[in-house]
Structures are given as structure tokens and as C-alpha cells.
Amino acid sequence: MLNRAVLTGRLTRDVDLRYTQSGTAVGTFTLAVDRRFTNQQGEREADFINCVIWRKSAENFANFVHKGSLVGVEGRIQTRNYENQQGQRVYVTEIVVENFSLLEPRSQRDNNNGGSAPQGNSAPQQNNGNPFDNNSSNNSNNNSAPADPFANSGDSIDISDDDLPF
């Protein structure tokens, strides 16, 4: 059996972060996902998908995104039901998020939030510490690629057939 959902969309509102009685963090949000086609008026319609995220991931997600943020989520579809105050049975279908990706640069996320996003090391850095990332702050010169240790230096490499693993 396979139950997998992968969505890319924008948050319709800030994440509603709450805690259970046992102290477990749970975040709920709605993701607006554009449809691939347009309607008769040439407008693109969207589906509004309810999502739930748990534990430390919920706290991180709530700290780094806000209304309008472009995110990717991966998880499973879950259905549940409960009885409301009027005694009616209510059925809910939602995505239980197991993994997420922030799909906008940090500067754009900060600008969309009026500059009130957390500063410092609070947001995850993509490719942080990657020596082959030209945009990494670890490079002393961002205008050139790092030296390739396997580049042809003109010296011949002497390897006998006995040294090869195959």
C-alpha cells in the first residue's frame, strides 16, 4: 500500500501552532495549490489543502514561514471524523506533513513578512558548508569556483593494473 502526497503551494495564513496537553507541538495550516489548467475565463484556480505537522518540525515550520510563503510539503493523506457540538458527524481529510522545504530565498521570505522574520541563525541555510557552492559564505572568493583537486595538472598518474579494484 502506498499513501504519499507531495504538494507545492503558498500558505493562506500563518501556521496555527498549538500544544497538546502532553506538551506535543502541532501546527495546522492551509496550502493553496494552483491547478495546472485555467478555467473558461482564463484564470488559474487553486485547491486549498488542509495540512497538519507535528513535534519539532511544527515549531520549526511555524518559525520560518508566514502567510504567502512558498513551500513544498511531503506526507500522507489522512482521514478522521468526530462529532461536533450539534451532534453531527464531521469528516476531515488532511495531509500529515512528514517533511517540508522552504522554496523561497531567505531575503524574499523576510521581505514578504515586513522584515519581522527571525534574524541570525534561526533559518536553515541551504548548501551551508558546501565547498562547491559558489554562493556559500565559506568561499573566500565568490566570483570563481573552488579549485578542483582532480583537475589535470599536467603530471601523469602512474597506476598499475594491480592497484585497480576491478
C-alpha atoms as a PDB file:
ATOM      1  CA  MET A   1       0.000   0.000   0.000  1.00  0.00           C
ATOM      2  CA  LEU A   2       1.222   3.490  -0.792  1.00  0.00           C
ATOM      3  CA  ASN A   3      -0.042   6.717   0.725  1.00  0.00           C
ATOM      4  CA  ARG A   4       2.179   9.592  -0.372  1.00  0.00           C
ATOM      5  CA  ALA A   5       1.361  13.227  -1.068  1.00  0.00           C
ATOM      6  CA  VAL A   6       3.764  15.851  -2.406  1.00  0.00           C
ATOM      7  CA  LEU A   7       2.472  19.418  -2.719  1.00  0.00           C
ATOM      8  CA  THR A   8       3.889  22.812  -3.615  1.00  0.00           C
ATOM      9  CA  GLY A   9       1.888  25.890  -2.764  1.00  0.00           C
ATOM     10  CA  ARG A  10       1.523  29.042  -0.703  1.00  0.00           C
ATOM     11  CA  LEU A  11       0.282  29.338   2.865  1.00  0.00           C
ATOM     12  CA  THR A  12      -3.126  31.015   3.074  1.00  0.00           C
ATOM     13  CA  ARG A  13      -2.444  32.171   6.647  1.00  0.00           C
ATOM     14  CA  ASP A  14       0.208  31.884   9.336  1.00  0.00           C
ATOM     15  CA  VAL A  15       0.654  28.460  10.905  1.00  0.00           C
ATOM     16  CA  ASP A  16      -1.641  27.867  13.897  1.00  0.00           C
ATOM     17  CA  LEU A  17       0.823  26.366  16.399  1.00  0.00           C
ATOM     18  CA  ARG A  18      -0.688  24.738  19.482  1.00  0.00           C
ATOM     19  CA  TYR A  19       0.370  22.228  22.096  1.00  0.00           C
ATOM     20  CA  THR A  20      -1.427  19.120  23.266  1.00  0.00           C
ATOM     21  CA  GLN A  21      -1.998  18.502  26.985  1.00  0.00           C
ATOM     22  CA  SER A  22       1.135  16.361  26.999  1.00  0.00           C
ATOM     23  CA  GLY A  23       3.171  19.232  25.501  1.00  0.00           C
ATOM     24  CA  THR A  24       3.467  17.948  21.922  1.00  0.00           C
ATOM     25  CA  ALA A  25       3.579  20.735  19.321  1.00  0.00           C
ATOM     26  CA  VAL A  26       1.043  20.569  16.489  1.00  0.00           C
ATOM     27  CA  GLY A  27       0.717  23.075  13.664  1.00  0.00           C
ATOM     28  CA  THR A  28      -2.192  23.404  11.265  1.00  0.00           C
ATOM     29  CA  PHE A  29      -2.244  25.400   8.057  1.00  0.00           C
ATOM     30  CA  THR A  30      -3.869  25.550   4.654  1.00  0.00           C
ATOM     31  CA  LEU A  31      -1.864  25.337   1.449  1.00  0.00           C
ATOM     32  CA  ALA A  32      -3.165  26.961  -1.754  1.00  0.00           C
ATOM     33  CA  VAL A  33      -2.081  24.739  -4.649  1.00  0.00           C
ATOM     34  CA  ASP A  34      -2.619  26.024  -8.198  1.00  0.00           C
ATOM     35  CA  ARG A  35      -4.287  23.726 -10.689  1.00  0.00           C
ATOM     36  CA  ARG A  36      -2.429  23.020 -13.919  1.00  0.00           C
ATOM     37  CA  PHE A  37      -5.171  24.395 -16.148  1.00  0.00           C
ATOM     38  CA  THR A  38      -7.217  27.584 -16.404  1.00  0.00           C
ATOM     39  CA  ASN A  39     -10.990  27.994 -16.291  1.00  0.00           C
ATOM     40  CA  GLN A  40     -13.145  29.415 -19.107  1.00  0.00           C
ATOM     41  CA  GLN A  41     -12.251  32.981 -18.083  1.00  0.00           C
ATOM     42  CA  GLY A  42      -8.546  32.177 -18.394  1.00  0.00           C
ATOM     43  CA  GLU A  43      -7.977  32.302 -14.648  1.00  0.00           C
ATOM     44  CA  ARG A  44      -6.000  29.714 -12.747  1.00  0.00           C
ATOM     45  CA  GLU A  45      -7.960  28.104  -9.939  1.00  0.00           C
ATOM     46  CA  ALA A  46      -6.479  26.674  -6.751  1.00  0.00           C
ATOM     47  CA  ASP A  47      -7.232  23.900  -4.317  1.00  0.00           C
ATOM     48  CA  PHE A  48      -6.982  24.666  -0.609  1.00  0.00           C
ATOM     49  CA  ILE A  49      -5.461  21.688   1.176  1.00  0.00           C
ATOM     50  CA  ASN A  50      -5.587  21.362   4.969  1.00  0.00           C
ATOM     51  CA  CYS A  51      -2.296  20.208   6.487  1.00  0.00           C
ATOM     52  CA  VAL A  52      -1.082  19.237   9.951  1.00  0.00           C
ATOM     53  CA  ILE A  53       2.527  18.992  11.157  1.00  0.00           C
ATOM     54  CA  TRP A  54       3.753  17.605  14.484  1.00  0.00           C
ATOM     55  CA  ARG A  55       6.505  17.973  17.109  1.00  0.00           C
ATOM     56  CA  LYS A  56       9.759  19.874  16.495  1.00  0.00           C
ATOM     57  CA  SER A  57       9.007  20.092  12.771  1.00  0.00           C
ATOM     58  CA  ALA A  58       5.845  22.042  13.627  1.00  0.00           C
ATOM     59  CA  GLU A  59       7.789  24.531  15.736  1.00  0.00           C
ATOM     60  CA  ASN A  60      10.454  24.992  13.049  1.00  0.00           C
ATOM     61  CA  PHE A  61       7.862  25.327  10.293  1.00  0.00           C
ATOM     62  CA  ALA A  62       5.901  27.942  12.264  1.00  0.00           C
ATOM     63  CA  ASN A  63       9.090  29.933  12.925  1.00  0.00           C
ATOM     64  CA  PHE A  64      10.267  30.077   9.312  1.00  0.00           C
ATOM     65  CA  VAL A  65       7.088  30.587   7.268  1.00  0.00           C
ATOM     66  CA  HIS A  66       4.194  33.019   7.193  1.00  0.00           C
ATOM     67  CA  LYS A  67       1.136  33.804   5.114  1.00  0.00           C
ATOM     68  CA  GLY A  68       2.093  33.749   1.427  1.00  0.00           C
ATOM     69  CA  SER A  69       5.268  31.672   1.849  1.00  0.00           C
ATOM     70  CA  LEU A  70       6.013  29.242  -0.986  1.00  0.00           C
ATOM     71  CA  VAL A  71       6.656  25.803   0.498  1.00  0.00           C
ATOM     72  CA  GLY A  72       6.853  22.188  -0.538  1.00  0.00           C
ATOM     73  CA  VAL A  73       5.409  19.542   1.756  1.00  0.00           C
ATOM     74  CA  GLU A  74       5.614  15.781   1.700  1.00  0.00           C
ATOM     75  CA  GLY A  75       3.474  13.475   3.763  1.00  0.00           C
ATOM     76  CA  ARG A  76       0.456  11.215   3.773  1.00  0.00           C
ATOM     77  CA  ILE A  77      -3.267  11.715   3.342  1.00  0.00           C
ATOM     78  CA  GLN A  78      -5.254  11.026   6.469  1.00  0.00           C
ATOM     79  CA  THR A  79      -8.980  10.975   7.101  1.00  0.00           C
ATOM     80  CA  ARG A  80     -10.593  11.253  10.501  1.00  0.00           C
ATOM     81  CA  ASN A  81     -14.006  12.062  11.912  1.00  0.00           C
ATOM     82  CA  TYR A  82     -15.507  13.479  15.062  1.00  0.00           C
ATOM     83  CA  GLU A  83     -18.842  14.578  16.433  1.00  0.00           C
ATOM     84  CA  ASN A  84     -19.328  18.352  16.642  1.00  0.00           C
ATOM     85  CA  GLN A  85     -21.275  20.285  19.297  1.00  0.00           C
ATOM     86  CA  GLN A  86     -24.505  19.899  17.325  1.00  0.00           C
ATOM     87  CA  GLY A  87     -24.111  16.119  17.386  1.00  0.00           C
ATOM     88  CA  GLN A  88     -23.292  15.862  13.663  1.00  0.00           C
ATOM     89  CA  ARG A  89     -20.521  13.584  12.374  1.00  0.00           C
ATOM     90  CA  VAL A  90     -17.770  15.692  10.707  1.00  0.00           C
ATOM     91  CA  TYR A  91     -15.272  14.067   8.302  1.00  0.00           C
ATOM     92  CA  VAL A  92     -11.853  15.653   7.776  1.00  0.00           C
ATOM     93  CA  THR A  93      -9.257  14.851   5.113  1.00  0.00           C
ATOM     94  CA  GLU A  94      -5.816  16.389   5.571  1.00  0.00           C
ATOM     95  CA  ILE A  95      -2.146  15.954   4.761  1.00  0.00           C
ATOM     96  CA  VAL A  96       0.019  14.861   7.687  1.00  0.00           C
ATOM     97  CA  VAL A  97       3.307  16.578   6.825  1.00  0.00           C
ATOM     98  CA  GLU A  98       6.421  14.495   7.383  1.00  0.00           C
ATOM     99  CA  ASN A  99       8.900  16.715   5.527  1.00  0.00           C
ATOM    100  CA  PHE A 100       8.908  20.265   4.192  1.00  0.00           C
ATOM    101  CA  SER A 101      11.058  22.552   2.064  1.00  0.00           C
ATOM    102  CA  LEU A 102      11.236  26.330   2.046  1.00  0.00           C
ATOM    103  CA  LEU A 103      11.132  27.272  -1.630  1.00  0.00           C
ATOM    104  CA  GLU A 104      11.936  30.991  -1.460  1.00  0.00           C
ATOM    105  CA  PRO A 105      15.239  32.676  -0.688  1.00  0.00           C
ATOM    106  CA  ARG A 106      15.543  33.888   2.868  1.00  0.00           C
ATOM    107  CA  SER A 107      15.646  37.535   1.773  1.00  0.00           C
ATOM    108  CA  GLN A 108      12.352  37.159  -0.088  1.00  0.00           C
ATOM    109  CA  ARG A 109      10.726  35.442   2.909  1.00  0.00           C
ATOM    110  CA  ASP A 110      11.904  38.321   5.132  1.00  0.00           C
ATOM    111  CA  ASN A 111      10.611  40.958   2.679  1.00  0.00           C
ATOM    112  CA  ASN A 112       7.187  39.337   2.403  1.00  0.00           C
ATOM    113  CA  ASN A 113       6.902  39.336   6.175  1.00  0.00           C
ATOM    114  CA  GLY A 114       7.651  43.041   6.528  1.00  0.00           C
ATOM    115  CA  GLY A 115      11.152  42.273   7.771  1.00  0.00           C
ATOM    116  CA  SER A 116       9.898  40.781  11.024  1.00  0.00           C
ATOM    117  CA  ALA A 117      11.209  37.285  10.390  1.00  0.00           C
ATOM    118  CA  PRO A 118      13.756  35.995  12.891  1.00  0.00           C
ATOM    119  CA  GLN A 119      17.323  37.000  12.139  1.00  0.00           C
ATOM    120  CA  GLY A 120      20.633  35.287  12.783  1.00  0.00           C
ATOM    121  CA  ASN A 121      20.995  31.536  12.562  1.00  0.00           C
ATOM    122  CA  SER A 122      17.298  30.838  13.037  1.00  0.00           C
ATOM    123  CA  ALA A 123      16.505  29.926   9.417  1.00  0.00           C
ATOM    124  CA  PRO A 124      18.030  26.891   7.719  1.00  0.00           C
ATOM    125  CA  GLN A 125      20.706  27.681   5.183  1.00  0.00           C
ATOM    126  CA  GLN A 126      20.686  25.673   2.003  1.00  0.00           C
ATOM    127  CA  ASN A 127      24.061  24.255   0.894  1.00  0.00           C
ATOM    128  CA  ASN A 128      25.696  25.639   4.044  1.00  0.00           C
ATOM    129  CA  GLY A 129      29.274  24.440   4.181  1.00  0.00           C
ATOM    130  CA  ASN A 130      29.255  23.036   0.636  1.00  0.00           C
ATOM    131  CA  PRO A 131      32.697  23.870  -0.813  1.00  0.00           C
ATOM    132  CA  PHE A 132      31.332  23.619  -4.368  1.00  0.00           C
ATOM    133  CA  ASP A 133      28.524  26.147  -3.785  1.00  0.00           C
ATOM    134  CA  ASN A 134      29.570  29.462  -5.342  1.00  0.00           C
ATOM    135  CA  ASN A 135      27.045  31.315  -3.172  1.00  0.00           C
ATOM    136  CA  SER A 136      28.303  29.840   0.091  1.00  0.00           C
ATOM    137  CA  SER A 137      29.707  32.291   2.610  1.00  0.00           C
ATOM    138  CA  ASN A 138      32.522  29.795   3.258  1.00  0.00           C
ATOM    139  CA  ASN A 139      34.201  30.690  -0.044  1.00  0.00           C
ATOM    140  CA  SER A 140      36.752  33.477   0.150  1.00  0.00           C
ATOM    141  CA  ASN A 141      36.106  34.474  -3.459  1.00  0.00           C
ATOM    142  CA  ASN A 142      32.521  34.078  -4.689  1.00  0.00           C
ATOM    143  CA  ASN A 143      33.458  35.025  -8.265  1.00  0.00           C
ATOM    144  CA  SER A 144      35.399  31.849  -9.003  1.00  0.00           C
ATOM    145  CA  ALA A 145      34.779  28.164  -8.479  1.00  0.00           C
ATOM    146  CA  PRO A 146      36.879  26.386  -5.854  1.00  0.00           C
ATOM    147  CA  ALA A 147      39.992  24.590  -7.006  1.00  0.00           C
ATOM    148  CA  ASP A 148      39.218  21.136  -8.369  1.00  0.00           C
ATOM    149  CA  PRO A 149      41.546  18.637  -6.682  1.00  0.00           C
ATOM    150  CA  PHE A 150      41.096  16.264  -9.626  1.00  0.00           C
ATOM    151  CA  ALA A 151      41.889  18.787 -12.345  1.00  0.00           C
ATOM    152  CA  ASN A 152      44.591  17.820 -14.831  1.00  0.00           C
ATOM    153  CA  SER A 153      47.803  19.417 -13.570  1.00  0.00           C
ATOM    154  CA  GLY A 154      49.848  18.068 -16.454  1.00  0.00           C
ATOM    155  CA  ASP A 155      51.512  15.399 -14.326  1.00  0.00           C
ATOM    156  CA  SER A 156      50.934  11.831 -15.367  1.00  0.00           C
ATOM    157  CA  ILE A 157      49.414   9.460 -12.846  1.00  0.00           C
ATOM    158  CA  ASP A 158      51.119   6.106 -12.662  1.00  0.00           C
ATOM    159  CA  ILE A 159      48.669   3.383 -11.573  1.00  0.00           C
ATOM    160  CA  SER A 160      49.394  -0.270 -12.140  1.00  0.00           C
ATOM    161  CA  ASP A 161      46.672  -2.759 -13.025  1.00  0.00           C
ATOM    162  CA  ASP A 162      47.180  -4.372  -9.623  1.00  0.00           C
ATOM    163  CA  ASP A 163      46.004  -1.155  -7.902  1.00  0.00           C
ATOM    164  CA  LEU A 164      42.642  -1.087  -9.684  1.00  0.00           C
ATOM    165  CA  PRO A 165      39.685  -2.597  -7.801  1.00  0.00           C
ATOM    166  CA  PHE A 166      38.259  -4.302 -10.880  1.00  0.00           C
END
